[in-house]
Amino acid sequence: MAAPRVAINARAAVRAEIGGVERIAREMSHRLPALRGDRYRVIKPPAMLAHRAGHAWEQLVLPLKASACELIYSPANLAPALSKRNVVLIPDAASFRFPEAYSRLYVAYQRRLLPRLARAARLVLTVSEFSRQELVDTLGVTPELVRVVPPGVDERFTPQADPAPAITRYQLERPYVLAVGTMSARKNYGALEATARELHERGIDLVLAGSDRDYLRGGTVSARRIGYVPDQLLPGLYAGARALVMPSLYEGFGLPCLEAMAAGTPVVIAPRAALPETCGDAALLAEPDDPEQFACAVSSAACDRQARERLRRAGLERAAQYSWNRTAQMTDEALGQLLEDP
């Protein structure tokens, strides 16, 4: 049997807490070898090197371990800087557009490394047309070298997911509206103050699920914070929510919106960045700079029966268009074209 031709950089896949890039890394580390076992080799570090301590592993050890492979596919922003074999997925240009949302060291590292990676890569993948243009504008990469491969929605996200374990774990005694994301200034949670008050008057809690990370800055809100939610509880947490809200000012995609839609939960978004592209007409759009307007939209999604049913149907249809198998197939096609192999 021929040796695998593509190494998968699974550094982000071994992290204990899952965000957007970690989920992509996990799914692709599993689904690409399942799709083409002869083409892919997954290379992962010890768990202790999954985060900052793993930069040296990614830059030095990974290229050596992948020496027999023609391409190195890195699905989580970073890749070996000196390699000429990189295919790197860069989901957005957040550190360029919203530097105040990150530590000074993180911004400096990203701004130094990402343009070099993008311009030297064999191919750059990203998650939306919005992000494609962002990478062209900020990183100086030619448009022809950037290809859009949207992420997917796991089959576990369904209206039938049981909310009881999450409700019990987090003592969610009242109906709740959910926000999902890390604590970052670009998430714009401060815009939800009026929403939280409006919901409280209706007997509904605003619940924020998401972790703090040491390189993130900002992101305060008067809401019930429950921290990082383990992956096995997340589908039920979505399914039990009256609505999902995302007032974010900058998203390269907005995967929680589709996960909520797949769970039958109405979604309210800010009309910013990639969110309208991701959600189509399956979400309510409300301007986060007008807190009262946003609060009104969330109340409608959470409490108005006709609005909820319309959003539920539209959301299920929208989420059904995205699957991780489709993401794997699109990724494999892009890599196969570089290999000139069907």
Protein backbone atom coordinates (compact mmCIF):
# COMPACT_ATOMS: atom_id res chain seq x y z
CA MET A 1 0.00 0.00 0.00
CA ALA A 2 1.28 3.47 -0.92
CA ALA A 3 2.20 5.83 1.91
CA PRO A 4 -0.38 8.53 2.78
CA ARG A 5 0.17 11.69 0.73
CA VAL A 6 -1.40 14.21 3.14
CA ALA A 7 -0.50 14.74 6.80
CA ILE A 8 -3.25 16.18 9.00
CA ASN A 9 -2.00 18.55 11.69
CA ALA A 10 -4.17 17.44 14.63
CA ARG A 11 -2.71 19.72 17.29
CA ALA A 12 -6.02 21.54 17.81
CA ALA A 13 -7.93 18.24 17.74
CA VAL A 14 -6.39 17.08 21.02
CA ARG A 15 -7.47 20.13 23.02
CA ALA A 16 -9.87 19.38 25.86
CA GLU A 17 -12.14 22.38 25.24
CA ILE A 18 -13.74 22.73 21.82
CA GLY A 19 -14.28 25.99 19.98
CA GLY A 20 -14.80 26.52 16.28
CA VAL A 21 -11.32 25.65 15.04
CA GLU A 22 -11.04 22.73 17.45
CA ARG A 23 -14.28 21.29 16.15
CA ILE A 24 -13.12 21.59 12.55
CA ALA A 25 -9.81 19.95 13.47
CA ARG A 26 -11.54 17.06 15.27
CA GLU A 27 -14.05 16.45 12.53
CA MET A 28 -11.51 16.56 9.71
CA SER A 29 -9.04 14.39 11.63
CA HIS A 30 -11.77 11.76 11.81
CA ARG A 31 -13.71 12.15 8.57
CA LEU A 32 -10.92 12.65 6.03
CA PRO A 33 -9.20 9.33 6.88
CA ALA A 34 -12.62 7.66 6.91
CA LEU A 35 -13.27 9.06 3.44
CA ARG A 36 -9.85 8.21 1.96
CA GLY A 37 -7.83 6.04 4.28
CA ASP A 38 -5.04 5.70 1.74
CA ARG A 39 -4.52 9.47 1.43
CA TYR A 40 -4.38 10.79 5.01
CA ARG A 41 -2.16 10.36 8.03
CA VAL A 42 -3.22 12.06 11.28
CA ILE A 43 -0.30 13.45 13.28
CA LYS A 44 -1.09 14.64 16.79
CA PRO A 45 1.08 15.82 19.69
CA PRO A 46 0.74 14.81 23.33
CA ALA A 47 -2.17 16.64 24.96
CA MET A 48 0.24 18.81 26.97
CA LEU A 49 1.38 20.38 23.66
CA ALA A 50 -2.11 21.22 22.40
CA HIS A 51 -1.90 24.89 23.37
CA ARG A 52 0.89 27.47 23.68
CA ALA A 53 3.51 24.89 24.62
CA GLY A 54 2.89 23.18 21.29
CA HIS A 55 4.09 25.98 19.02
CA ALA A 56 7.57 24.46 18.82
CA TRP A 57 6.08 21.01 18.11
CA GLU A 58 4.04 22.46 15.24
CA GLN A 59 6.97 24.35 13.75
CA LEU A 60 9.71 21.74 14.20
CA VAL A 61 8.43 18.26 15.00
CA LEU A 62 5.37 18.12 12.75
CA PRO A 63 7.29 18.75 9.49
CA LEU A 64 9.73 15.97 10.39
CA LYS A 65 6.95 13.51 11.20
CA ALA A 66 5.27 14.47 7.91
CA SER A 67 8.46 14.21 5.86
CA ALA A 68 7.08 11.43 3.66
CA CYS A 69 3.88 13.37 2.84
CA GLU A 70 3.41 15.73 -0.09
CA LEU A 71 1.07 18.08 1.77
CA ILE A 72 0.51 19.17 5.36
CA TYR A 73 -3.14 20.08 6.01
CA SER A 74 -3.53 22.33 9.06
CA PRO A 75 -7.21 23.01 9.88
CA ALA A 76 -6.79 25.47 12.77
CA ASN A 77 -5.15 28.74 11.72
CA LEU A 78 -1.46 27.89 12.18
CA ALA A 79 0.99 25.69 10.30
CA PRO A 80 4.76 25.10 9.99
CA ALA A 81 6.03 28.48 8.80
CA LEU A 82 8.99 27.18 6.78
CA SER A 83 7.17 24.37 5.02
CA LYS A 84 6.42 24.61 1.29
CA ARG A 85 3.75 21.91 1.59
CA ASN A 86 1.10 23.77 3.57
CA VAL A 87 -2.63 23.77 3.06
CA VAL A 88 -3.90 25.91 5.94
CA LEU A 89 -7.43 26.74 7.01
CA ILE A 90 -7.69 30.32 8.29
CA PRO A 91 -11.28 31.01 9.42
CA ASP A 92 -11.11 34.81 9.71
CA ALA A 93 -8.93 37.89 10.15
CA ALA A 94 -10.16 38.73 13.65
CA SER A 95 -6.76 39.60 15.08
CA PHE A 96 -6.39 42.22 12.32
CA ARG A 97 -9.93 43.63 12.48
CA PHE A 98 -10.50 43.42 16.26
CA PRO A 99 -7.10 43.54 17.98
CA GLU A 100 -8.73 44.88 21.16
CA ALA A 101 -10.36 41.47 21.61
CA TYR A 102 -6.99 39.75 22.15
CA SER A 103 -3.82 40.05 24.18
CA ARG A 104 -1.00 42.13 22.70
CA LEU A 105 1.23 39.06 22.39
CA TYR A 106 -1.45 37.04 20.56
CA VAL A 107 -2.08 39.87 18.08
CA ALA A 108 1.64 40.32 17.41
CA TYR A 109 2.13 36.59 16.83
CA GLN A 110 -0.87 36.29 14.53
CA ARG A 111 0.00 39.40 12.53
CA ARG A 112 3.54 38.23 12.01
CA LEU A 113 2.80 34.62 11.15
CA LEU A 114 -0.53 34.57 9.28
CA PRO A 115 0.51 36.69 6.27
CA ARG A 116 3.65 34.59 5.85
CA LEU A 117 1.70 31.35 6.06
CA ALA A 118 -1.02 32.52 3.68
CA ARG A 119 1.32 33.82 1.01
CA ALA A 120 3.59 30.77 1.09
CA ALA A 121 0.84 28.12 1.30
CA ARG A 122 -0.03 25.86 -1.59
CA LEU A 123 -3.67 26.64 -0.78
CA VAL A 124 -5.57 28.61 1.86
CA LEU A 125 -8.97 27.33 2.94
CA THR A 126 -11.53 29.43 4.77
CA VAL A 127 -15.11 29.09 5.95
CA SER A 128 -17.17 31.75 4.13
CA GLU A 129 -17.08 34.15 1.20
CA PHE A 130 -16.89 36.96 3.74
CA SER A 131 -13.73 35.48 5.23
CA ARG A 132 -12.26 34.83 1.81
CA GLN A 133 -12.39 38.54 1.03
CA GLU A 134 -11.08 39.39 4.49
CA LEU A 135 -8.02 37.20 3.98
CA VAL A 136 -7.36 38.71 0.57
CA ASP A 137 -7.61 42.22 2.02
CA THR A 138 -5.59 41.71 5.21
CA LEU A 139 -3.05 38.99 4.44
CA GLY A 140 -2.10 39.91 0.90
CA VAL A 141 -2.91 36.48 -0.50
CA THR A 142 -4.11 36.28 -4.10
CA PRO A 143 -7.83 35.47 -4.44
CA GLU A 144 -7.16 32.41 -6.60
CA LEU A 145 -5.31 30.75 -3.73
CA VAL A 146 -8.19 31.03 -1.24
CA ARG A 147 -10.98 28.45 -1.36
CA VAL A 148 -14.18 28.41 0.69
CA VAL A 149 -15.05 25.18 2.51
CA PRO A 150 -17.87 25.77 5.03
CA PRO A 151 -17.97 23.74 8.24
CA GLY A 152 -20.83 21.40 9.04
CA VAL A 153 -23.28 20.42 11.74
CA ASP A 154 -22.90 17.18 13.66
CA GLU A 155 -25.76 14.71 13.45
CA ARG A 156 -26.15 14.92 17.24
CA PHE A 157 -27.69 18.38 16.95
CA THR A 158 -31.39 17.65 16.58
CA PRO A 159 -34.72 18.77 18.12
CA GLN A 160 -34.85 15.34 19.75
CA ALA A 161 -31.71 15.97 21.81
CA ASP A 162 -32.54 15.64 25.51
CA PRO A 163 -32.08 18.92 27.41
CA ALA A 164 -32.54 17.32 30.83
CA PRO A 165 -28.85 16.52 31.55
CA ALA A 166 -27.77 20.10 30.78
CA ILE A 167 -30.70 21.60 32.68
CA THR A 168 -29.85 19.47 35.70
CA ARG A 169 -26.10 20.09 35.49
CA TYR A 170 -26.48 23.87 35.34
CA GLN A 171 -29.64 24.17 37.46
CA LEU A 172 -31.57 25.96 34.74
CA GLU A 173 -34.81 26.27 36.67
CA ARG A 174 -36.49 28.78 34.33
CA PRO A 175 -36.85 29.00 30.54
CA TYR A 176 -33.68 30.37 28.98
CA VAL A 177 -32.29 32.12 25.94
CA LEU A 178 -28.78 31.01 25.06
CA ALA A 179 -25.61 32.72 23.85
CA VAL A 180 -22.66 30.48 22.96
CA GLY A 181 -19.11 31.71 22.52
CA THR A 182 -15.85 32.57 24.19
CA MET A 183 -15.58 35.71 26.28
CA SER A 184 -14.24 38.19 23.75
CA ALA A 185 -14.90 41.85 22.98
CA ARG A 186 -15.86 41.05 19.39
CA LYS A 187 -18.73 38.87 20.63
CA ASN A 188 -20.37 42.13 21.76
CA TYR A 189 -22.16 40.66 24.77
CA GLY A 190 -22.54 44.12 26.25
CA ALA A 191 -25.26 44.74 23.68
CA LEU A 192 -27.41 42.17 25.52
CA GLU A 193 -28.02 44.23 28.66
CA ALA A 194 -31.46 45.42 27.49
CA THR A 195 -32.21 41.90 26.24
CA ALA A 196 -31.42 40.42 29.64
CA ARG A 197 -33.76 42.89 31.35
CA GLU A 198 -36.58 42.26 28.87
CA LEU A 199 -36.25 38.51 29.21
CA HIS A 200 -36.14 38.70 33.01
CA GLU A 201 -39.46 40.53 33.02
CA ARG A 202 -40.89 37.65 30.97
CA GLY A 203 -39.57 35.01 33.37
CA ILE A 204 -36.75 33.96 31.06
CA ASP A 205 -33.03 33.83 31.87
CA LEU A 206 -30.24 34.86 29.54
CA VAL A 207 -27.58 32.14 29.76
CA LEU A 208 -24.08 32.51 28.39
CA ALA A 209 -22.11 29.34 27.63
CA GLY A 210 -18.44 29.62 26.75
CA SER A 211 -14.96 29.57 28.17
CA ASP A 212 -12.47 32.22 29.14
CA ARG A 213 -9.14 31.94 27.37
CA ASP A 214 -6.04 33.72 28.55
CA TYR A 215 -5.41 35.49 25.22
CA LEU A 216 -8.96 36.94 24.96
CA ARG A 217 -10.00 40.35 26.22
CA GLY A 218 -13.40 41.93 26.97
CA GLY A 219 -16.82 40.34 26.75
CA THR A 220 -18.81 41.29 29.87
CA VAL A 221 -22.58 40.97 30.23
CA SER A 222 -25.12 40.76 33.04
CA ALA A 223 -26.17 37.20 32.30
CA ARG A 224 -26.05 33.81 33.91
CA ARG A 225 -22.65 32.43 32.94
CA ILE A 226 -22.23 28.66 32.97
CA GLY A 227 -18.73 28.47 31.47
CA TYR A 228 -17.52 25.83 29.08
CA VAL A 229 -20.14 23.18 28.29
CA PRO A 230 -18.87 19.64 27.65
CA ASP A 231 -19.52 18.44 24.14
CA GLN A 232 -21.96 15.72 25.16
CA LEU A 233 -24.27 18.27 26.85
CA LEU A 234 -24.26 20.85 24.07
CA PRO A 235 -26.97 19.41 21.75
CA GLY A 236 -29.47 19.21 24.61
CA LEU A 237 -28.56 22.69 25.82
CA TYR A 238 -29.41 24.07 22.37
CA ALA A 239 -32.59 22.02 22.08
CA GLY A 240 -33.87 23.26 25.44
CA ALA A 241 -33.31 26.94 24.70
CA ARG A 242 -36.09 29.32 23.71
CA ALA A 243 -33.68 31.03 21.31
CA LEU A 244 -30.01 31.51 20.49
CA VAL A 245 -28.65 35.05 20.28
CA MET A 246 -25.45 36.18 18.55
CA PRO A 247 -24.89 39.95 18.65
CA SER A 248 -21.30 39.50 17.47
CA LEU A 249 -19.57 42.25 15.53
CA TYR A 250 -17.19 39.89 13.76
CA GLU A 251 -17.60 36.20 12.90
CA GLY A 252 -15.92 34.31 10.10
CA PHE A 253 -18.85 31.88 10.05
CA GLY A 254 -20.96 31.54 13.21
CA LEU A 255 -21.28 27.78 13.71
CA PRO A 256 -23.41 28.01 16.90
CA CYS A 257 -26.18 29.54 14.76
CA LEU A 258 -26.40 26.43 12.57
CA GLU A 259 -26.09 24.07 15.53
CA ALA A 260 -29.01 25.84 17.21
CA MET A 261 -31.03 25.72 13.99
CA ALA A 262 -30.39 21.99 13.68
CA ALA A 263 -31.74 21.63 17.23
CA GLY A 264 -34.95 23.46 16.24
CA THR A 265 -34.05 26.60 18.18
CA PRO A 266 -34.86 30.08 16.76
CA VAL A 267 -31.83 32.29 16.12
CA VAL A 268 -31.33 36.08 16.36
CA ILE A 269 -28.16 37.58 14.89
CA ALA A 270 -26.47 40.90 14.26
CA PRO A 271 -26.31 41.72 10.53
CA ARG A 272 -22.52 41.80 10.67
CA ALA A 273 -19.60 40.01 9.02
CA ALA A 274 -20.41 36.45 7.90
CA LEU A 275 -23.53 35.92 10.01
CA PRO A 276 -26.09 36.88 7.31
CA GLU A 277 -24.25 34.67 4.80
CA THR A 278 -24.31 31.72 7.18
CA CYS A 279 -27.90 32.08 8.34
CA GLY A 280 -29.62 33.24 5.14
CA ASP A 281 -33.26 34.02 5.81
CA ALA A 282 -33.48 31.49 8.66
CA ALA A 283 -32.65 33.96 11.46
CA LEU A 284 -33.99 37.25 12.74
CA LEU A 285 -31.61 40.13 12.07
CA ALA A 286 -31.43 42.96 14.59
CA GLU A 287 -28.99 45.83 14.91
CA PRO A 288 -26.90 45.40 18.09
CA ASP A 289 -26.18 49.13 18.20
CA ASP A 290 -29.88 49.55 19.01
CA PRO A 291 -30.22 47.50 22.22
CA GLU A 292 -34.00 47.95 22.39
CA GLN A 293 -34.44 46.71 18.83
CA PHE A 294 -32.28 43.71 19.56
CA ALA A 295 -34.19 42.96 22.76
CA CYS A 296 -37.49 43.15 20.85
CA ALA A 297 -36.25 40.69 18.24
CA VAL A 298 -35.07 38.24 20.90
CA SER A 299 -38.40 38.48 22.72
CA SER A 300 -40.20 37.70 19.48
CA ALA A 301 -38.01 34.67 18.79
CA ALA A 302 -38.43 33.43 22.35
CA CYS A 303 -42.12 34.14 22.94
CA ASP A 304 -44.09 34.74 19.72
CA ARG A 305 -45.57 31.43 18.63
CA GLN A 306 -45.85 32.24 14.92
CA ALA A 307 -42.36 33.73 14.74
CA ARG A 308 -40.90 30.77 16.59
CA GLU A 309 -42.50 28.24 14.25
CA ARG A 310 -41.38 30.09 11.15
CA LEU A 311 -37.82 30.35 12.43
CA ARG A 312 -37.84 26.73 13.52
CA ARG A 313 -38.84 25.45 10.08
CA ALA A 314 -36.47 27.76 8.23
CA GLY A 315 -33.63 26.91 10.59
CA LEU A 316 -34.01 23.17 10.17
CA GLU A 317 -33.95 23.59 6.39
CA ARG A 318 -30.90 25.84 6.55
CA ALA A 319 -28.89 23.59 8.87
CA ALA A 320 -29.65 20.55 6.70
CA GLN A 321 -27.56 22.14 3.94
CA TYR A 322 -24.39 21.80 6.03
CA SER A 323 -22.80 18.52 7.08
CA TRP A 324 -19.32 17.48 8.13
CA ASN A 325 -19.30 14.80 5.43
CA ARG A 326 -19.81 17.57 2.87
CA THR A 327 -16.98 19.55 4.47
CA ALA A 328 -14.70 16.51 4.28
CA GLN A 329 -15.62 15.87 0.65
CA MET A 330 -14.96 19.50 -0.32
CA THR A 331 -11.65 19.47 1.54
CA ASP A 332 -10.61 16.19 -0.06
CA GLU A 333 -11.50 17.54 -3.50
CA ALA A 334 -9.37 20.65 -2.94
CA LEU A 335 -6.42 18.60 -1.72
CA GLY A 336 -6.86 16.07 -4.52
CA GLN A 337 -6.60 18.85 -7.10
CA LEU A 338 -3.25 19.89 -5.61
CA LEU A 339 -2.13 16.29 -5.77
CA GLU A 340 -3.59 16.03 -9.29
CA ASP A 341 -5.33 12.90 -8.10
CA PRO A 342 -9.11 12.18 -8.31
